[in-house]
Amino acid sequence: MDARWTEENIIELLKKTVFDTFDIDLSEATPQTSVSDIGLDSMAVLDVIMTVEDTIGIKLGRIELPKNPSLQDVAAMVARNVEARADE
């Protein structure tokens, strides 16, 4: 996987993207914070994911998340996609 896109870095990117898009400060959020606790619905999460795709420069092939995912769940999904693209 691209060393820049570890799960930890992706979580920081998610926090920045949520702030930039929705003006929600996630500086106190942990990786276990759920998107519903942040105040995001599934459509808002998709908006964030699309921005992340643009930032990291890849189209995510499989966007599979549990109901009410945590930041960690979203970051892990992005990391899996980045790794899968690197293996192609």
PDB file of N, CA and C in Angstrom:
ATOM      1  N   MET A   1       0.851  -1.178   0.000  1.00  0.00           N
ATOM      2  CA  MET A   1       0.000   0.000   0.000  1.00  0.00           C
ATOM      3  C   MET A   1       0.890   1.232   0.000  1.00  0.00           C
ATOM      4  N   ASP A   2       0.418   2.283  -0.656  1.00  0.00           N
ATOM      5  CA  ASP A   2       1.115   3.555  -0.670  1.00  0.00           C
ATOM      6  C   ASP A   2       1.300   4.010   0.774  1.00  0.00           C
ATOM      7  N   ALA A   3       2.529   4.277   1.161  1.00  0.00           N
ATOM      8  CA  ALA A   3       2.842   4.617   2.556  1.00  0.00           C
ATOM      9  C   ALA A   3       2.080   5.849   3.045  1.00  0.00           C
ATOM     10  N   ARG A   4       1.686   6.720   2.135  1.00  0.00           N
ATOM     11  CA  ARG A   4       0.930   7.911   2.541  1.00  0.00           C
ATOM     12  C   ARG A   4      -0.473   7.560   3.017  1.00  0.00           C
ATOM     13  N   TRP A   5      -0.997   6.445   2.581  1.00  0.00           N
ATOM     14  CA  TRP A   5      -2.406   6.139   2.845  1.00  0.00           C
ATOM     15  C   TRP A   5      -2.585   4.978   3.805  1.00  0.00           C
ATOM     16  N   THR A   6      -1.982   5.114   4.963  1.00  0.00           N
ATOM     17  CA  THR A   6      -2.238   4.173   6.043  1.00  0.00           C
ATOM     18  C   THR A   6      -3.621   4.489   6.614  1.00  0.00           C
ATOM     19  N   GLU A   7      -4.186   3.566   7.389  1.00  0.00           N
ATOM     20  CA  GLU A   7      -5.492   3.824   7.991  1.00  0.00           C
ATOM     21  C   GLU A   7      -5.457   5.085   8.849  1.00  0.00           C
ATOM     22  N   GLU A   8      -4.369   5.287   9.565  1.00  0.00           N
ATOM     23  CA  GLU A   8      -4.243   6.479  10.407  1.00  0.00           C
ATOM     24  C   GLU A   8      -4.290   7.754   9.561  1.00  0.00           C
ATOM     25  N   ASN A   9      -3.565   7.755   8.444  1.00  0.00           N
ATOM     26  CA  ASN A   9      -3.575   8.925   7.558  1.00  0.00           C
ATOM     27  C   ASN A   9      -4.933   9.124   6.909  1.00  0.00           C
ATOM     28  N   ILE A  10      -5.588   8.024   6.587  1.00  0.00           N
ATOM     29  CA  ILE A  10      -6.916   8.114   5.976  1.00  0.00           C
ATOM     30  C   ILE A  10      -7.919   8.682   6.980  1.00  0.00           C
ATOM     31  N   ILE A  11      -7.829   8.289   8.245  1.00  0.00           N
ATOM     32  CA  ILE A  11      -8.715   8.853   9.267  1.00  0.00           C
ATOM     33  C   ILE A  11      -8.515  10.357   9.362  1.00  0.00           C
ATOM     34  N   GLU A  12      -7.266  10.808   9.333  1.00  0.00           N
ATOM     35  CA  GLU A  12      -7.004  12.250   9.367  1.00  0.00           C
ATOM     36  C   GLU A  12      -7.579  12.938   8.132  1.00  0.00           C
ATOM     37  N   LEU A  13      -7.463  12.288   6.972  1.00  0.00           N
ATOM     38  CA  LEU A  13      -8.048  12.830   5.752  1.00  0.00           C
ATOM     39  C   LEU A  13      -9.576  12.886   5.873  1.00  0.00           C
ATOM     40  N   LEU A  14     -10.188  11.859   6.442  1.00  0.00           N
ATOM     41  CA  LEU A  14     -11.641  11.861   6.646  1.00  0.00           C
ATOM     42  C   LEU A  14     -12.057  13.021   7.540  1.00  0.00           C
ATOM     43  N   LYS A  15     -11.337  13.214   8.635  1.00  0.00           N
ATOM     44  CA  LYS A  15     -11.650  14.319   9.554  1.00  0.00           C
ATOM     45  C   LYS A  15     -11.551  15.666   8.851  1.00  0.00           C
ATOM     46  N   LYS A  16     -10.486  15.859   8.070  1.00  0.00           N
ATOM     47  CA  LYS A  16     -10.302  17.116   7.343  1.00  0.00           C
ATOM     48  C   LYS A  16     -11.409  17.303   6.317  1.00  0.00           C
ATOM     49  N   THR A  17     -11.758  16.247   5.616  1.00  0.00           N
ATOM     50  CA  THR A  17     -12.795  16.328   4.591  1.00  0.00           C
ATOM     51  C   THR A  17     -14.148  16.656   5.198  1.00  0.00           C
ATOM     52  N   VAL A  18     -14.478  16.035   6.340  1.00  0.00           N
ATOM     53  CA  VAL A  18     -15.744  16.334   7.013  1.00  0.00           C
ATOM     54  C   VAL A  18     -15.760  17.796   7.460  1.00  0.00           C
ATOM     55  N   PHE A  19     -14.653  18.271   7.979  1.00  0.00           N
ATOM     56  CA  PHE A  19     -14.589  19.676   8.399  1.00  0.00           C
ATOM     57  C   PHE A  19     -14.759  20.611   7.197  1.00  0.00           C
ATOM     58  N   ASP A  20     -14.006  20.338   6.141  1.00  0.00           N
ATOM     59  CA  ASP A  20     -14.048  21.199   4.959  1.00  0.00           C
ATOM     60  C   ASP A  20     -15.425  21.183   4.282  1.00  0.00           C
ATOM     61  N   THR A  21     -16.091  20.032   4.295  1.00  0.00           N
ATOM     62  CA  THR A  21     -17.367  19.879   3.599  1.00  0.00           C
ATOM     63  C   THR A  21     -18.558  20.308   4.438  1.00  0.00           C
ATOM     64  N   PHE A  22     -18.544  19.924   5.727  1.00  0.00           N
ATOM     65  CA  PHE A  22     -19.722  20.130   6.571  1.00  0.00           C
ATOM     66  C   PHE A  22     -19.470  21.051   7.766  1.00  0.00           C
ATOM     67  N   ASP A  23     -18.241  21.559   7.887  1.00  0.00           N
ATOM     68  CA  ASP A  23     -17.864  22.433   8.997  1.00  0.00           C
ATOM     69  C   ASP A  23     -18.123  21.771  10.355  1.00  0.00           C
ATOM     70  N   ILE A  24     -17.801  20.477  10.423  1.00  0.00           N
ATOM     71  CA  ILE A  24     -17.933  19.716  11.664  1.00  0.00           C
ATOM     72  C   ILE A  24     -16.517  19.416  12.153  1.00  0.00           C
ATOM     73  N   ASP A  25     -16.192  19.905  13.351  1.00  0.00           N
ATOM     74  CA  ASP A  25     -14.859  19.712  13.933  1.00  0.00           C
ATOM     75  C   ASP A  25     -14.761  18.320  14.540  1.00  0.00           C
ATOM     76  N   LEU A  26     -13.859  17.518  14.008  1.00  0.00           N
ATOM     77  CA  LEU A  26     -13.659  16.157  14.506  1.00  0.00           C
ATOM     78  C   LEU A  26     -12.340  15.998  15.233  1.00  0.00           C
ATOM     79  N   SER A  27     -11.776  17.096  15.722  1.00  0.00           N
ATOM     80  CA  SER A  27     -10.475  17.013  16.391  1.00  0.00           C
ATOM     81  C   SER A  27     -10.529  16.110  17.617  1.00  0.00           C
ATOM     82  N   GLU A  28     -11.670  15.985  18.247  1.00  0.00           N
ATOM     83  CA  GLU A  28     -11.815  15.124  19.428  1.00  0.00           C
ATOM     84  C   GLU A  28     -12.339  13.727  19.087  1.00  0.00           C
ATOM     85  N   ALA A  29     -12.669  13.488  17.829  1.00  0.00           N
ATOM     86  CA  ALA A  29     -13.204  12.188  17.421  1.00  0.00           C
ATOM     87  C   ALA A  29     -12.114  11.129  17.458  1.00  0.00           C
ATOM     88  N   THR A  30     -12.500   9.921  17.817  1.00  0.00           N
ATOM     89  CA  THR A  30     -11.577   8.781  17.821  1.00  0.00           C
ATOM     90  C   THR A  30     -11.874   7.914  16.602  1.00  0.00           C
ATOM     91  N   PRO A  31     -10.997   6.973  16.286  1.00  0.00           N
ATOM     92  CA  PRO A  31     -11.294   6.069  15.175  1.00  0.00           C
ATOM     93  C   PRO A  31     -12.606   5.301  15.367  1.00  0.00           C
ATOM     94  N   GLN A  32     -13.024   5.103  16.608  1.00  0.00           N
ATOM     95  CA  GLN A  32     -14.245   4.357  16.887  1.00  0.00           C
ATOM     96  C   GLN A  32     -15.506   5.212  16.812  1.00  0.00           C
ATOM     97  N   THR A  33     -15.359   6.514  16.611  1.00  0.00           N
ATOM     98  CA  THR A  33     -16.516   7.397  16.499  1.00  0.00           C
ATOM     99  C   THR A  33     -17.330   7.008  15.275  1.00  0.00           C
ATOM    100  N   SER A  34     -18.629   6.803  15.472  1.00  0.00           N
ATOM    101  CA  SER A  34     -19.477   6.404  14.340  1.00  0.00           C
ATOM    102  C   SER A  34     -19.896   7.628  13.543  1.00  0.00           C
ATOM    103  N   VAL A  35     -20.215   7.393  12.285  1.00  0.00           N
ATOM    104  CA  VAL A  35     -20.614   8.507  11.431  1.00  0.00           C
ATOM    105  C   VAL A  35     -21.929   9.113  11.911  1.00  0.00           C
ATOM    106  N   SER A  36     -22.799   8.317  12.506  1.00  0.00           N
ATOM    107  CA  SER A  36     -24.054   8.888  13.016  1.00  0.00           C
ATOM    108  C   SER A  36     -23.789   9.783  14.222  1.00  0.00           C
ATOM    109  N   ASP A  37     -22.783   9.445  15.047  1.00  0.00           N
ATOM    110  CA  ASP A  37     -22.418  10.304  16.176  1.00  0.00           C
ATOM    111  C   ASP A  37     -21.888  11.657  15.693  1.00  0.00           C
ATOM    112  N   ILE A  38     -21.310  11.657  14.508  1.00  0.00           N
ATOM    113  CA  ILE A  38     -20.795  12.886  13.905  1.00  0.00           C
ATOM    114  C   ILE A  38     -21.952  13.710  13.335  1.00  0.00           C
ATOM    115  N   GLY A  39     -23.026  13.018  12.975  1.00  0.00           N
ATOM    116  CA  GLY A  39     -24.175  13.692  12.387  1.00  0.00           C
ATOM    117  C   GLY A  39     -24.291  13.491  10.889  1.00  0.00           C
ATOM    118  N   LEU A  40     -23.583  12.477  10.370  1.00  0.00           N
ATOM    119  CA  LEU A  40     -23.621  12.216   8.938  1.00  0.00           C
ATOM    120  C   LEU A  40     -24.569  11.066   8.615  1.00  0.00           C
ATOM    121  N   ASP A  41     -25.328  11.222   7.532  1.00  0.00           N
ATOM    122  CA  ASP A  41     -26.143  10.121   7.042  1.00  0.00           C
ATOM    123  C   ASP A  41     -25.388   9.435   5.903  1.00  0.00           C
ATOM    124  N   SER A  42     -25.990   8.416   5.318  1.00  0.00           N
ATOM    125  CA  SER A  42     -25.282   7.637   4.296  1.00  0.00           C
ATOM    126  C   SER A  42     -24.930   8.480   3.071  1.00  0.00           C
ATOM    127  N   MET A  43     -25.779   9.422   2.702  1.00  0.00           N
ATOM    128  CA  MET A  43     -25.473  10.273   1.550  1.00  0.00           C
ATOM    129  C   MET A  43     -24.289  11.204   1.852  1.00  0.00           C
ATOM    130  N   ALA A  44     -24.215  11.707   3.059  1.00  0.00           N
ATOM    131  CA  ALA A  44     -23.087  12.554   3.446  1.00  0.00           C
ATOM    132  C   ALA A  44     -21.792  11.748   3.441  1.00  0.00           C
ATOM    133  N   VAL A  45     -21.874  10.492   3.909  1.00  0.00           N
ATOM    134  CA  VAL A  45     -20.684   9.629   3.900  1.00  0.00           C
ATOM    135  C   VAL A  45     -20.216   9.415   2.461  1.00  0.00           C
ATOM    136  N   LEU A  46     -21.151   9.216   1.541  1.00  0.00           N
ATOM    137  CA  LEU A  46     -20.771   9.053   0.135  1.00  0.00           C
ATOM    138  C   LEU A  46     -20.111  10.318  -0.405  1.00  0.00           C
ATOM    139  N   ASP A  47     -20.597  11.481  -0.015  1.00  0.00           N
ATOM    140  CA  ASP A  47     -19.951  12.738  -0.417  1.00  0.00           C
ATOM    141  C   ASP A  47     -18.506  12.779   0.071  1.00  0.00           C
ATOM    142  N   VAL A  48     -18.302  12.392   1.312  1.00  0.00           N
ATOM    143  CA  VAL A  48     -16.954  12.373   1.879  1.00  0.00           C
ATOM    144  C   VAL A  48     -16.082  11.374   1.116  1.00  0.00           C
ATOM    145  N   ILE A  49     -16.615  10.196   0.846  1.00  0.00           N
ATOM    146  CA  ILE A  49     -15.843   9.168   0.139  1.00  0.00           C
ATOM    147  C   ILE A  49     -15.466   9.647  -1.259  1.00  0.00           C
ATOM    148  N   MET A  50     -16.375  10.329  -1.946  1.00  0.00           N
ATOM    149  CA  MET A  50     -16.054  10.842  -3.285  1.00  0.00           C
ATOM    150  C   MET A  50     -14.935  11.871  -3.226  1.00  0.00           C
ATOM    151  N   THR A  51     -14.924  12.704  -2.209  1.00  0.00           N
ATOM    152  CA  THR A  51     -13.843  13.680  -2.039  1.00  0.00           C
ATOM    153  C   THR A  51     -12.527  12.966  -1.741  1.00  0.00           C
ATOM    154  N   VAL A  52     -12.589  11.929  -0.910  1.00  0.00           N
ATOM    155  CA  VAL A  52     -11.394  11.133  -0.603  1.00  0.00           C
ATOM    156  C   VAL A  52     -10.847  10.490  -1.880  1.00  0.00           C
ATOM    157  N   GLU A  53     -11.735   9.962  -2.718  1.00  0.00           N
ATOM    158  CA  GLU A  53     -11.295   9.387  -3.996  1.00  0.00           C
ATOM    159  C   GLU A  53     -10.500  10.414  -4.801  1.00  0.00           C
ATOM    160  N   ASP A  54     -11.033  11.623  -4.889  1.00  0.00           N
ATOM    161  CA  ASP A  54     -10.340  12.687  -5.638  1.00  0.00           C
ATOM    162  C   ASP A  54      -8.988  13.007  -5.015  1.00  0.00           C
ATOM    163  N   THR A  55      -8.935  13.042  -3.704  1.00  0.00           N
ATOM    164  CA  THR A  55      -7.700  13.400  -3.003  1.00  0.00           C
ATOM    165  C   THR A  55      -6.616  12.343  -3.191  1.00  0.00           C
ATOM    166  N   ILE A  56      -6.995  11.078  -3.068  1.00  0.00           N
ATOM    167  CA  ILE A  56      -5.978  10.021  -3.174  1.00  0.00           C
ATOM    168  C   ILE A  56      -5.738   9.581  -4.612  1.00  0.00           C
ATOM    169  N   GLY A  57      -6.625  10.009  -5.514  1.00  0.00           N
ATOM    170  CA  GLY A  57      -6.391   9.760  -6.926  1.00  0.00           C
ATOM    171  C   GLY A  57      -6.776   8.390  -7.425  1.00  0.00           C
ATOM    172  N   ILE A  58      -7.677   7.714  -6.727  1.00  0.00           N
ATOM    173  CA  ILE A  58      -8.172   6.433  -7.233  1.00  0.00           C
ATOM    174  C   ILE A  58      -9.685   6.366  -7.053  1.00  0.00           C
ATOM    175  N   LYS A  59     -10.304   5.580  -7.916  1.00  0.00           N
ATOM    176  CA  LYS A  59     -11.731   5.305  -7.795  1.00  0.00           C
ATOM    177  C   LYS A  59     -11.866   4.050  -6.939  1.00  0.00           C
ATOM    178  N   LEU A  60     -12.623   4.155  -5.863  1.00  0.00           N
ATOM    179  CA  LEU A  60     -12.800   3.008  -4.979  1.00  0.00           C
ATOM    180  C   LEU A  60     -13.730   2.011  -5.653  1.00  0.00           C
ATOM    181  N   GLY A  61     -13.269   0.779  -5.768  1.00  0.00           N
ATOM    182  CA  GLY A  61     -14.035  -0.241  -6.471  1.00  0.00           C
ATOM    183  C   GLY A  61     -15.138  -0.857  -5.637  1.00  0.00           C
ATOM    184  N   ARG A  62     -14.871  -1.086  -4.377  1.00  0.00           N
ATOM    185  CA  ARG A  62     -15.850  -1.738  -3.512  1.00  0.00           C
ATOM    186  C   ARG A  62     -16.088  -0.881  -2.284  1.00  0.00           C
ATOM    187  N   ILE A  63     -17.254  -0.280  -2.260  1.00  0.00           N
ATOM    188  CA  ILE A  63     -17.623   0.546  -1.112  1.00  0.00           C
ATOM    189  C   ILE A  63     -18.612  -0.262  -0.288  1.00  0.00           C
ATOM    190  N   GLU A  64     -18.064  -1.078   0.580  1.00  0.00           N
ATOM    191  CA  GLU A  64     -18.874  -1.911   1.454  1.00  0.00           C
ATOM    192  C   GLU A  64     -18.600  -1.517   2.894  1.00  0.00           C
ATOM    193  N   LEU A  65     -19.643  -1.040   3.544  1.00  0.00           N
ATOM    194  CA  LEU A  65     -19.506  -0.595   4.930  1.00  0.00           C
ATOM    195  C   LEU A  65     -20.641  -1.184   5.757  1.00  0.00           C
ATOM    196  N   PRO A  66     -20.384  -1.433   7.038  1.00  0.00           N
ATOM    197  CA  PRO A  66     -21.471  -1.878   7.908  1.00  0.00           C
ATOM    198  C   PRO A  66     -22.458  -0.734   8.133  1.00  0.00           C
ATOM    199  N   LYS A  67     -23.618  -1.076   8.635  1.00  0.00           N
ATOM    200  CA  LYS A  67     -24.577  -0.036   8.988  1.00  0.00           C
ATOM    201  C   LYS A  67     -23.952   0.797  10.104  1.00  0.00           C
ATOM    202  N   ASN A  68     -24.039   2.119   9.980  1.00  0.00           N
ATOM    203  CA  ASN A  68     -23.453   3.048  10.942  1.00  0.00           C
ATOM    204  C   ASN A  68     -21.965   2.775  11.185  1.00  0.00           C
ATOM    205  N   PRO A  69     -21.155   2.921  10.144  1.00  0.00           N
ATOM    206  CA  PRO A  69     -19.722   2.639  10.285  1.00  0.00           C
ATOM    207  C   PRO A  69     -19.016   3.676  11.155  1.00  0.00           C
ATOM    208  N   SER A  70     -17.890   3.255  11.703  1.00  0.00           N
ATOM    209  CA  SER A  70     -17.016   4.168  12.440  1.00  0.00           C
ATOM    210  C   SER A  70     -16.028   4.787  11.445  1.00  0.00           C
ATOM    211  N   LEU A  71     -15.306   5.796  11.895  1.00  0.00           N
ATOM    212  CA  LEU A  71     -14.243   6.346  11.067  1.00  0.00           C
ATOM    213  C   LEU A  71     -13.243   5.264  10.697  1.00  0.00           C
ATOM    214  N   GLN A  72     -12.962   4.367  11.641  1.00  0.00           N
ATOM    215  CA  GLN A  72     -12.039   3.254  11.398  1.00  0.00           C
ATOM    216  C   GLN A  72     -12.570   2.342  10.295  1.00  0.00           C
ATOM    217  N   ASP A  73     -13.885   2.051  10.301  1.00  0.00           N
ATOM    218  CA  ASP A  73     -14.483   1.207   9.263  1.00  0.00           C
ATOM    219  C   ASP A  73     -14.311   1.838   7.886  1.00  0.00           C
ATOM    220  N   VAL A  74     -14.567   3.140   7.803  1.00  0.00           N
ATOM    221  CA  VAL A  74     -14.435   3.838   6.523  1.00  0.00           C
ATOM    222  C   VAL A  74     -12.972   3.844   6.085  1.00  0.00           C
ATOM    223  N   ALA A  75     -12.071   4.132   7.006  1.00  0.00           N
ATOM    224  CA  ALA A  75     -10.638   4.157   6.680  1.00  0.00           C
ATOM    225  C   ALA A  75     -10.147   2.790   6.230  1.00  0.00           C
ATOM    226  N   ALA A  76     -10.598   1.740   6.884  1.00  0.00           N
ATOM    227  CA  ALA A  76     -10.188   0.380   6.513  1.00  0.00           C
ATOM    228  C   ALA A  76     -10.686   0.042   5.104  1.00  0.00           C
ATOM    229  N   MET A  77     -11.906   0.460   4.782  1.00  0.00           N
ATOM    230  CA  MET A  77     -12.453   0.206   3.452  1.00  0.00           C
ATOM    231  C   MET A  77     -11.624   0.942   2.398  1.00  0.00           C
ATOM    232  N   VAL A  78     -11.276   2.198   2.665  1.00  0.00           N
ATOM    233  CA  VAL A  78     -10.458   2.959   1.727  1.00  0.00           C
ATOM    234  C   VAL A  78      -9.087   2.301   1.589  1.00  0.00           C
ATOM    235  N   ALA A  79      -8.485   1.913   2.698  1.00  0.00           N
ATOM    236  CA  ALA A  79      -7.155   1.278   2.667  1.00  0.00           C
ATOM    237  C   ALA A  79      -7.179  -0.016   1.858  1.00  0.00           C
ATOM    238  N   ARG A  80      -8.251  -0.811   2.015  1.00  0.00           N
ATOM    239  CA  ARG A  80      -8.367  -2.053   1.223  1.00  0.00           C
ATOM    240  C   ARG A  80      -8.409  -1.740  -0.266  1.00  0.00           C
ATOM    241  N   ASN A  81      -9.123  -0.703  -0.627  1.00  0.00           N
ATOM    242  CA  ASN A  81      -9.208  -0.311  -2.034  1.00  0.00           C
ATOM    243  C   ASN A  81      -7.873   0.194  -2.560  1.00  0.00           C
ATOM    244  N   VAL A  82      -7.173   0.983  -1.760  1.00  0.00           N
ATOM    245  CA  VAL A  82      -5.850   1.475  -2.168  1.00  0.00           C
ATOM    246  C   VAL A  82      -4.912   0.293  -2.368  1.00  0.00           C
ATOM    247  N   GLU A  83      -4.944  -0.648  -1.448  1.00  0.00           N
ATOM    248  CA  GLU A  83      -4.071  -1.820  -1.556  1.00  0.00           C
ATOM    249  C   GLU A  83      -4.426  -2.655  -2.777  1.00  0.00           C
ATOM    250  N   ALA A  84      -5.713  -2.843  -3.032  1.00  0.00           N
ATOM    251  CA  ALA A  84      -6.154  -3.623  -4.190  1.00  0.00           C
ATOM    252  C   ALA A  84      -5.689  -2.962  -5.488  1.00  0.00           C
ATOM    253  N   ARG A  85      -5.749  -1.640  -5.549  1.00  0.00           N
ATOM    254  CA  ARG A  85      -5.290  -0.918  -6.749  1.00  0.00           C
ATOM    255  C   ARG A  85      -3.785  -1.078  -6.916  1.00  0.00           C
ATOM    256  N   ALA A  86      -3.052  -1.083  -5.824  1.00  0.00           N
ATOM    257  CA  ALA A  86      -1.589  -1.224  -5.892  1.00  0.00           C
ATOM    258  C   ALA A  86      -1.202  -2.608  -6.402  1.00  0.00           C
ATOM    259  N   ASP A  87      -2.052  -3.606  -6.116  1.00  0.00           N
ATOM    260  CA  ASP A  87      -1.756  -4.978  -6.525  1.00  0.00           C
ATOM    261  C   ASP A  87      -2.106  -5.240  -7.980  1.00  0.00           C
ATOM    262  N   GLU A  88      -2.806  -4.304  -8.618  1.00  0.00           N
ATOM    263  CA  GLU A  88      -3.228  -4.516 -10.011  1.00  0.00           C
ATOM    264  C   GLU A  88      -2.087  -4.298 -10.974  1.00  0.00           C
TER     265      GLU A  88
END
